[in-house]
């Protein structure tokens, strides 16, 4: 599931011509350990520039992702500079 999500997000952000870095998850494990099954992985982290934050959020929402309820506060986006998303489709 994380590999499918990584590929989906990668393709969408690239199509939107956004600079980004996908890290963590199976892709990172493949690079670091030579195999994607070394450790369990349940999420994917994406790093974008602050100036691209809103555009990247819009792209993710277009894929069916939504801001996770626990991270809807200004604290997450303004002070920590991060936002958590969830996806209801498998």
Protein backbone atom coordinates (compact mmCIF):
# COMPACT_ATOMS: atom_id res chain seq x y z
CA UNK A 1 0.00 0.00 0.00
CA UNK A 2 2.79 2.46 0.89
CA UNK A 3 4.51 1.74 -2.44
CA UNK A 4 1.31 2.47 -4.36
CA UNK A 5 0.79 5.66 -2.35
CA UNK A 6 4.39 6.74 -2.94
CA UNK A 7 4.06 6.20 -6.69
CA UNK A 8 0.70 8.00 -6.82
CA UNK A 9 1.99 11.03 -4.88
CA UNK A 10 5.25 11.11 -6.83
CA UNK A 11 3.51 11.15 -10.19
CA UNK A 12 0.97 13.79 -9.15
CA UNK A 13 3.52 16.19 -7.64
CA UNK A 14 5.85 15.75 -10.59
CA UNK A 15 2.98 16.44 -13.01
CA UNK A 16 2.23 19.61 -11.03
CA UNK A 17 5.89 20.59 -11.51
CA UNK A 18 6.50 20.84 -7.78
CA UNK A 19 9.91 20.20 -6.27
CA UNK A 20 9.58 17.59 -3.53
CA UNK A 21 11.38 14.85 -1.69
CA UNK A 22 9.73 11.55 -0.86
CA UNK A 23 11.36 9.90 2.10
CA UNK A 24 10.67 7.21 4.64
CA UNK A 25 8.61 4.21 3.75
CA UNK A 26 9.55 1.38 1.40
CA UNK A 27 11.46 3.57 -1.06
CA UNK A 28 13.85 4.68 1.66
CA UNK A 29 14.29 1.12 2.87
CA UNK A 30 15.18 -0.04 -0.62
CA UNK A 31 17.97 2.53 -0.77
CA UNK A 32 19.24 2.06 2.80
CA UNK A 33 18.80 -1.68 3.29
CA UNK A 34 18.51 -3.11 -0.20
CA UNK A 35 15.02 -4.46 0.39
CA UNK A 36 11.59 -3.05 1.17
CA UNK A 37 10.67 -5.61 3.82
CA UNK A 38 13.33 -4.80 6.43
CA UNK A 39 10.96 -2.80 8.62
CA UNK A 40 7.22 -2.35 8.68
CA UNK A 41 6.17 0.90 7.05
CA UNK A 42 2.75 2.49 7.26
CA UNK A 43 3.23 5.99 5.94
CA UNK A 44 5.08 8.11 3.42
CA UNK A 45 6.67 11.47 4.16
CA UNK A 46 6.85 14.20 1.54
CA UNK A 47 8.93 17.34 1.91
CA UNK A 48 8.01 20.46 -0.10
CA UNK A 49 9.20 24.04 0.13
CA UNK A 50 7.08 26.30 2.31
CA UNK A 51 6.18 28.37 -0.75
CA UNK A 52 4.70 25.25 -2.41
CA UNK A 53 2.80 24.02 0.64
CA UNK A 54 -0.66 25.14 -0.51
CA UNK A 55 -0.18 23.86 -4.05
CA UNK A 56 1.05 20.50 -2.80
CA UNK A 57 -1.92 20.29 -0.43
CA UNK A 58 -4.26 20.98 -3.35
CA UNK A 59 -2.61 18.24 -5.43
CA UNK A 60 -2.95 15.74 -2.58
CA UNK A 61 -6.57 16.67 -2.02
CA UNK A 62 -7.17 16.10 -5.72
CA UNK A 63 -5.97 12.53 -5.19
CA UNK A 64 -8.51 11.97 -2.42
CA UNK A 65 -6.32 12.81 0.55
CA UNK A 66 -7.69 14.99 3.31
CA UNK A 67 -6.03 16.78 6.20
CA UNK A 68 -6.13 14.45 9.18
CA UNK A 69 -8.42 15.73 11.92
CA UNK A 70 -5.67 15.71 14.57
CA UNK A 71 -3.46 18.05 12.55
CA UNK A 72 -5.96 20.68 11.44
CA UNK A 73 -4.69 23.23 13.96
CA UNK A 74 -2.51 26.21 13.12
CA UNK A 75 0.12 24.68 15.40
CA UNK A 76 0.89 21.92 12.88
CA UNK A 77 1.03 23.96 9.70
CA UNK A 78 2.37 27.30 10.93
CA UNK A 79 4.69 26.41 13.79
CA UNK A 80 5.81 22.89 12.95
CA UNK A 81 5.56 23.33 9.19
CA UNK A 82 3.91 19.99 8.65
CA UNK A 83 0.54 18.57 7.82
CA UNK A 84 -0.76 15.04 8.16
CA UNK A 85 -3.09 13.60 5.55
CA UNK A 86 -5.25 10.51 5.44
CA UNK A 87 -6.74 8.66 2.51
CA UNK A 88 -9.90 6.61 2.67
CA UNK A 89 -9.33 4.57 -0.49
CA UNK A 90 -7.15 1.46 -0.54
